[in-house]
Each structure stands twice: as structure tokens, then as C-alpha cells.
N, C-alpha and C. Protein backbone atom coordinates (compact mmCIF):
# COMPACT_ATOMS: atom_id res chain seq x y z
N MET A 1 7.86 -50.31 36.69
CA MET A 1 8.68 -49.14 36.84
C MET A 1 9.27 -48.71 35.51
N ASN A 2 9.71 -49.69 34.74
CA ASN A 2 10.32 -49.43 33.44
C ASN A 2 9.29 -48.80 32.49
N ARG A 3 8.07 -49.28 32.63
CA ARG A 3 7.00 -48.77 31.78
C ARG A 3 6.70 -47.30 32.10
N THR A 4 6.73 -46.90 33.33
CA THR A 4 6.50 -45.52 33.75
C THR A 4 7.61 -44.61 33.22
N ARG A 5 8.82 -45.13 33.27
CA ARG A 5 9.95 -44.34 32.79
C ARG A 5 9.83 -44.11 31.27
N ILE A 6 9.44 -45.11 30.53
CA ILE A 6 9.27 -44.98 29.08
C ILE A 6 8.15 -43.99 28.77
N LEU A 7 7.05 -44.11 29.51
CA LEU A 7 5.92 -43.20 29.32
C LEU A 7 6.34 -41.77 29.63
N SER A 8 7.08 -41.55 30.70
CA SER A 8 7.56 -40.21 31.05
C SER A 8 8.48 -39.66 29.97
N THR A 9 9.36 -40.49 29.43
CA THR A 9 10.27 -40.07 28.38
C THR A 9 9.51 -39.68 27.12
N VAL A 10 8.53 -40.48 26.75
CA VAL A 10 7.72 -40.18 25.56
C VAL A 10 6.96 -38.87 25.75
N LEU A 11 6.37 -38.68 26.92
CA LEU A 11 5.64 -37.45 27.20
C LEU A 11 6.57 -36.23 27.16
N LEU A 12 7.77 -36.38 27.68
CA LEU A 12 8.75 -35.30 27.66
C LEU A 12 9.14 -34.96 26.23
N ILE A 13 9.34 -35.97 25.41
CA ILE A 13 9.68 -35.75 24.00
C ILE A 13 8.53 -35.06 23.27
N LEU A 14 7.32 -35.52 23.53
CA LEU A 14 6.15 -34.90 22.90
C LEU A 14 5.99 -33.44 23.34
N LEU A 15 6.21 -33.17 24.61
CA LEU A 15 6.12 -31.80 25.12
C LEU A 15 7.18 -30.92 24.48
N ALA A 16 8.41 -31.42 24.38
CA ALA A 16 9.48 -30.65 23.75
C ALA A 16 9.15 -30.39 22.27
N GLY A 17 8.59 -31.40 21.62
CA GLY A 17 8.19 -31.22 20.22
C GLY A 17 7.11 -30.15 20.07
N ASN A 18 6.15 -30.15 20.97
CA ASN A 18 5.09 -29.14 20.93
C ASN A 18 5.65 -27.74 21.16
N VAL A 19 6.56 -27.60 22.10
CA VAL A 19 7.18 -26.30 22.36
C VAL A 19 7.94 -25.84 21.11
N PHE A 20 8.72 -26.74 20.52
CA PHE A 20 9.49 -26.40 19.33
C PHE A 20 8.56 -25.96 18.19
N LEU A 21 7.51 -26.75 17.95
CA LEU A 21 6.58 -26.41 16.87
C LEU A 21 5.83 -25.11 17.16
N GLY A 22 5.52 -24.84 18.42
CA GLY A 22 4.86 -23.59 18.79
C GLY A 22 5.74 -22.39 18.50
N VAL A 23 7.02 -22.50 18.83
CA VAL A 23 7.96 -21.42 18.56
C VAL A 23 8.10 -21.20 17.06
N GLU A 24 8.22 -22.28 16.31
CA GLU A 24 8.32 -22.18 14.85
C GLU A 24 7.06 -21.55 14.25
N TYR A 25 5.90 -21.93 14.76
CA TYR A 25 4.64 -21.38 14.29
C TYR A 25 4.60 -19.87 14.50
N LEU A 26 4.98 -19.42 15.69
CA LEU A 26 4.99 -17.99 15.97
C LEU A 26 5.97 -17.24 15.05
N SER A 27 7.07 -17.87 14.76
CA SER A 27 8.05 -17.27 13.85
C SER A 27 7.47 -17.12 12.44
N VAL A 28 6.79 -18.14 11.97
CA VAL A 28 6.19 -18.11 10.64
C VAL A 28 5.07 -17.07 10.58
N VAL A 29 4.29 -16.96 11.63
CA VAL A 29 3.21 -15.96 11.68
C VAL A 29 3.80 -14.56 11.61
N ARG A 30 4.89 -14.31 12.32
CA ARG A 30 5.55 -13.00 12.30
C ARG A 30 6.08 -12.70 10.90
N GLN A 31 6.70 -13.68 10.27
CA GLN A 31 7.19 -13.48 8.90
C GLN A 31 6.05 -13.22 7.93
N LEU A 32 4.95 -13.91 8.13
CA LEU A 32 3.78 -13.71 7.26
C LEU A 32 3.24 -12.29 7.40
N ARG A 33 3.17 -11.78 8.62
CA ARG A 33 2.71 -10.41 8.84
C ARG A 33 3.64 -9.42 8.15
N GLN A 34 4.94 -9.63 8.28
CA GLN A 34 5.90 -8.73 7.64
C GLN A 34 5.76 -8.78 6.13
N THR A 35 5.56 -9.96 5.59
CA THR A 35 5.40 -10.11 4.14
C THR A 35 4.11 -9.44 3.67
N LYS A 36 3.03 -9.59 4.44
CA LYS A 36 1.76 -8.96 4.08
C LYS A 36 1.90 -7.44 4.12
N THR A 37 2.58 -6.92 5.12
CA THR A 37 2.79 -5.47 5.20
C THR A 37 3.60 -4.98 4.01
N ALA A 38 4.64 -5.71 3.65
CA ALA A 38 5.45 -5.33 2.49
C ALA A 38 4.64 -5.41 1.20
N LEU A 39 3.79 -6.43 1.07
CA LEU A 39 2.96 -6.58 -0.12
C LEU A 39 1.95 -5.44 -0.22
N ASP A 40 1.33 -5.08 0.91
CA ASP A 40 0.38 -3.97 0.92
C ASP A 40 1.07 -2.67 0.52
N ALA A 41 2.27 -2.45 1.04
CA ALA A 41 3.03 -1.25 0.69
C ALA A 41 3.36 -1.25 -0.80
N GLN A 42 3.72 -2.40 -1.34
CA GLN A 42 4.04 -2.49 -2.76
C GLN A 42 2.82 -2.21 -3.62
N LYS A 43 1.66 -2.72 -3.21
CA LYS A 43 0.43 -2.47 -3.96
C LYS A 43 0.11 -0.98 -3.96
N THR A 44 0.25 -0.35 -2.79
CA THR A 44 0.01 1.09 -2.68
C THR A 44 0.98 1.85 -3.58
N ASN A 45 2.25 1.49 -3.51
CA ASN A 45 3.25 2.15 -4.35
C ASN A 45 2.91 2.01 -5.84
N ASP A 46 2.51 0.82 -6.24
CA ASP A 46 2.17 0.58 -7.65
C ASP A 46 1.01 1.48 -8.08
N LYS A 47 -0.03 1.58 -7.23
CA LYS A 47 -1.18 2.41 -7.56
C LYS A 47 -0.80 3.88 -7.63
N VAL A 48 -0.01 4.34 -6.66
CA VAL A 48 0.41 5.74 -6.64
C VAL A 48 1.26 6.06 -7.86
N LEU A 49 2.19 5.19 -8.17
CA LEU A 49 3.04 5.42 -9.34
C LEU A 49 2.25 5.38 -10.64
N ALA A 50 1.30 4.47 -10.74
CA ALA A 50 0.47 4.39 -11.95
C ALA A 50 -0.35 5.67 -12.12
N PHE A 51 -0.96 6.14 -11.03
CA PHE A 51 -1.73 7.38 -11.11
C PHE A 51 -0.83 8.55 -11.45
N THR A 52 0.32 8.64 -10.79
CA THR A 52 1.24 9.74 -11.04
C THR A 52 1.70 9.75 -12.49
N GLN A 53 2.03 8.58 -13.01
CA GLN A 53 2.45 8.49 -14.40
C GLN A 53 1.33 8.93 -15.35
N LEU A 54 0.11 8.47 -15.08
CA LEU A 54 -1.04 8.86 -15.89
C LEU A 54 -1.27 10.37 -15.80
N PHE A 55 -1.17 10.92 -14.61
CA PHE A 55 -1.38 12.35 -14.40
C PHE A 55 -0.34 13.17 -15.17
N VAL A 56 0.91 12.79 -15.06
CA VAL A 56 1.98 13.52 -15.75
C VAL A 56 1.78 13.41 -17.26
N GLU A 57 1.50 12.21 -17.73
CA GLU A 57 1.35 11.97 -19.17
C GLU A 57 0.14 12.70 -19.76
N LYS A 58 -1.00 12.60 -19.08
CA LYS A 58 -2.25 13.10 -19.65
C LYS A 58 -2.59 14.54 -19.28
N VAL A 59 -2.05 15.03 -18.16
CA VAL A 59 -2.38 16.38 -17.72
C VAL A 59 -1.19 17.32 -17.90
N LEU A 60 -0.09 17.00 -17.27
CA LEU A 60 1.04 17.93 -17.31
C LEU A 60 1.66 18.04 -18.70
N ASN A 61 1.66 16.95 -19.45
CA ASN A 61 2.24 16.98 -20.79
C ASN A 61 1.20 17.24 -21.89
N ALA A 62 -0.03 17.53 -21.49
CA ALA A 62 -1.10 17.74 -22.47
C ALA A 62 -0.89 19.05 -23.23
N GLN A 63 -1.13 18.99 -24.51
CA GLN A 63 -1.03 20.18 -25.36
C GLN A 63 -2.40 20.84 -25.52
N THR A 64 -3.45 20.06 -25.26
CA THR A 64 -4.81 20.57 -25.38
C THR A 64 -5.55 20.28 -24.08
N GLU A 65 -6.81 20.68 -24.05
CA GLU A 65 -7.64 20.41 -22.87
C GLU A 65 -7.83 18.90 -22.70
N VAL A 66 -7.86 18.44 -21.45
CA VAL A 66 -8.01 17.02 -21.15
C VAL A 66 -9.45 16.61 -21.45
N ASP A 67 -9.61 15.54 -22.22
CA ASP A 67 -10.96 15.11 -22.61
C ASP A 67 -11.67 14.38 -21.46
N PHE A 68 -12.96 14.15 -21.66
CA PHE A 68 -13.80 13.56 -20.62
C PHE A 68 -13.33 12.17 -20.22
N ASP A 69 -13.02 11.33 -21.21
CA ASP A 69 -12.59 9.95 -20.91
C ASP A 69 -11.32 9.94 -20.07
N THR A 70 -10.39 10.82 -20.38
CA THR A 70 -9.15 10.90 -19.61
C THR A 70 -9.43 11.39 -18.19
N ARG A 71 -10.31 12.38 -18.06
CA ARG A 71 -10.67 12.85 -16.72
C ARG A 71 -11.32 11.75 -15.91
N LEU A 72 -12.17 10.97 -16.55
CA LEU A 72 -12.82 9.85 -15.87
C LEU A 72 -11.80 8.81 -15.43
N LYS A 73 -10.85 8.51 -16.31
CA LYS A 73 -9.80 7.55 -16.00
C LYS A 73 -8.96 8.05 -14.81
N LEU A 74 -8.63 9.33 -14.82
CA LEU A 74 -7.86 9.92 -13.71
C LEU A 74 -8.66 9.89 -12.41
N GLU A 75 -9.93 10.23 -12.50
CA GLU A 75 -10.80 10.23 -11.32
C GLU A 75 -10.89 8.83 -10.71
N ASN A 76 -11.06 7.83 -11.54
CA ASN A 76 -11.13 6.44 -11.05
C ASN A 76 -9.80 6.02 -10.43
N ALA A 77 -8.69 6.42 -11.06
CA ALA A 77 -7.37 6.05 -10.55
C ALA A 77 -7.11 6.70 -9.19
N VAL A 78 -7.50 7.95 -9.03
CA VAL A 78 -7.26 8.63 -7.76
C VAL A 78 -8.16 8.05 -6.66
N ARG A 79 -9.37 7.67 -7.01
CA ARG A 79 -10.25 7.04 -6.02
C ARG A 79 -9.74 5.65 -5.63
N ASP A 80 -9.13 4.96 -6.58
CA ASP A 80 -8.60 3.63 -6.33
C ASP A 80 -7.44 3.65 -5.32
N LEU A 81 -6.82 4.81 -5.13
CA LEU A 81 -5.74 4.92 -4.15
C LEU A 81 -6.26 4.71 -2.73
N GLY A 82 -7.52 5.06 -2.50
CA GLY A 82 -8.11 4.86 -1.18
C GLY A 82 -7.58 5.80 -0.12
N ASP A 83 -7.11 6.97 -0.54
CA ASP A 83 -6.55 7.96 0.40
C ASP A 83 -7.40 9.21 0.35
N ASP A 84 -8.08 9.50 1.46
CA ASP A 84 -9.00 10.65 1.51
C ASP A 84 -8.28 11.98 1.31
N ALA A 85 -7.07 12.10 1.85
CA ALA A 85 -6.33 13.36 1.72
C ALA A 85 -5.94 13.62 0.27
N ILE A 86 -5.49 12.60 -0.41
CA ILE A 86 -5.13 12.76 -1.83
C ILE A 86 -6.38 13.05 -2.65
N LEU A 87 -7.48 12.39 -2.34
CA LEU A 87 -8.73 12.65 -3.06
C LEU A 87 -9.19 14.09 -2.84
N ALA A 88 -9.06 14.58 -1.61
CA ALA A 88 -9.43 15.97 -1.32
C ALA A 88 -8.54 16.95 -2.09
N GLN A 89 -7.25 16.65 -2.15
CA GLN A 89 -6.33 17.51 -2.89
C GLN A 89 -6.64 17.45 -4.38
N TRP A 90 -6.99 16.28 -4.88
CA TRP A 90 -7.39 16.14 -6.27
C TRP A 90 -8.61 17.01 -6.56
N SER A 91 -9.57 17.00 -5.66
CA SER A 91 -10.78 17.82 -5.83
C SER A 91 -10.42 19.30 -5.87
N LYS A 92 -9.50 19.72 -5.01
CA LYS A 92 -9.06 21.12 -5.04
C LYS A 92 -8.45 21.47 -6.39
N PHE A 93 -7.65 20.54 -6.94
CA PHE A 93 -7.05 20.78 -8.24
C PHE A 93 -8.13 20.89 -9.32
N VAL A 94 -9.05 19.96 -9.32
CA VAL A 94 -10.10 19.93 -10.34
C VAL A 94 -10.97 21.18 -10.26
N GLU A 95 -11.19 21.67 -9.05
CA GLU A 95 -12.06 22.83 -8.86
C GLU A 95 -11.32 24.16 -8.97
N SER A 96 -10.06 24.14 -9.33
CA SER A 96 -9.27 25.37 -9.45
C SER A 96 -9.91 26.28 -10.50
N LYS A 97 -9.95 27.58 -10.17
CA LYS A 97 -10.56 28.56 -11.07
C LYS A 97 -9.53 29.28 -11.93
N THR A 98 -8.31 29.42 -11.40
CA THR A 98 -7.27 30.12 -12.15
C THR A 98 -6.09 29.20 -12.41
N GLU A 99 -5.26 29.60 -13.36
CA GLU A 99 -4.09 28.80 -13.69
C GLU A 99 -3.10 28.78 -12.53
N ASP A 100 -2.94 29.92 -11.85
CA ASP A 100 -2.03 29.97 -10.70
C ASP A 100 -2.50 29.05 -9.58
N ASP A 101 -3.79 29.06 -9.32
CA ASP A 101 -4.34 28.18 -8.29
C ASP A 101 -4.14 26.72 -8.69
N ALA A 102 -4.38 26.41 -9.96
CA ALA A 102 -4.20 25.03 -10.43
C ALA A 102 -2.75 24.59 -10.26
N GLN A 103 -1.80 25.47 -10.55
CA GLN A 103 -0.39 25.13 -10.39
C GLN A 103 -0.06 24.85 -8.93
N GLU A 104 -0.59 25.64 -8.03
CA GLU A 104 -0.36 25.41 -6.60
C GLU A 104 -0.96 24.08 -6.15
N GLN A 105 -2.16 23.79 -6.65
CA GLN A 105 -2.81 22.55 -6.28
C GLN A 105 -2.07 21.33 -6.85
N VAL A 106 -1.51 21.48 -8.05
CA VAL A 106 -0.73 20.39 -8.65
C VAL A 106 0.52 20.13 -7.81
N LYS A 107 1.20 21.19 -7.39
CA LYS A 107 2.39 21.02 -6.55
C LYS A 107 2.04 20.27 -5.27
N ALA A 108 0.93 20.68 -4.65
CA ALA A 108 0.51 20.03 -3.41
C ALA A 108 0.15 18.55 -3.68
N LEU A 109 -0.54 18.31 -4.77
CA LEU A 109 -0.94 16.93 -5.11
C LEU A 109 0.28 16.06 -5.35
N LEU A 110 1.21 16.54 -6.15
CA LEU A 110 2.42 15.75 -6.42
C LEU A 110 3.23 15.52 -5.15
N GLY A 111 3.28 16.52 -4.29
CA GLY A 111 3.98 16.34 -3.00
C GLY A 111 3.33 15.25 -2.17
N MET A 112 2.00 15.23 -2.14
CA MET A 112 1.29 14.20 -1.37
C MET A 112 1.53 12.82 -1.97
N LEU A 113 1.55 12.74 -3.29
CA LEU A 113 1.78 11.45 -3.95
C LEU A 113 3.16 10.91 -3.64
N VAL A 114 4.15 11.79 -3.66
CA VAL A 114 5.52 11.37 -3.34
C VAL A 114 5.60 10.92 -1.88
N ASP A 115 4.94 11.65 -1.00
CA ASP A 115 4.95 11.28 0.42
C ASP A 115 4.25 9.95 0.67
N LYS A 116 3.29 9.61 -0.17
CA LYS A 116 2.52 8.37 0.00
C LYS A 116 3.35 7.12 -0.31
N ILE A 117 4.36 7.29 -1.17
CA ILE A 117 5.19 6.16 -1.56
C ILE A 117 6.03 5.73 -0.37
N LYS A 118 5.99 4.44 -0.07
CA LYS A 118 6.74 3.88 1.06
C LYS A 118 8.02 3.24 0.56
N VAL A 119 9.12 3.68 1.12
CA VAL A 119 10.42 3.13 0.75
C VAL A 119 10.91 2.28 1.91
N LYS A 120 11.43 1.10 1.60
CA LYS A 120 11.89 0.19 2.65
C LYS A 120 13.16 0.71 3.29
């Protein structure tokens, strides 16, 4: 009888331990998901800010026409964002025929870039 009671107590302790560890595991998984989401948002923000800084520096502040290497660098940076809407807006800007149209497309592009940045 004593042996059955000890076995029951051990099983109860093991079961309680499993429940505790299961709850802790689920908590850690939830925290990991939140951290991954925050990291992904930070990576996106970094890319958007890097492209925006490059765009302002090389296009908006340019005194002369933008050279081929700079255009290639900008094109690669905008594609690296992985956002189809921003890429489409970039294409509209690049394909602008008039200065007024280019200014409108730049405003739209900068607005989209600002909207893309995620703030906690």
C-alpha cells in the first residue's frame, strides 16, 4: 500500500512538472514570436530609412543629373524593400516625363516610405 502511495505521489509530481513546463514553453514561444515580429519590423525600417536617405542625398539634393551607378544603386535598394506598391511608385517616378509629374511622384513615393515605417 505504501508503495502505491509513493508511486502515485511521484506521478502527480511529474504531471505537475509537465504542466508547469508546458505553460512555460508556450510563454517562451509567444515571446519569441513577438521578438521576431519586432525584429522583422526593425529590418524593414532600416531598409526603408537607408533607401530614403540615399534617395534624398543622391536625388533630391543632386545638383546635376543622377549618374547610372547611382540609379542602379537606388533601383537595387528599392527592390530590396520587397514592397510591390513602393516599387510601382518608384517606376512611376522614374518614368516621369515632366518636372511637375516627377515632383508629384516624389511626394507620393516619400509618403509611401513614411507610411511603411512601423513605430511601436
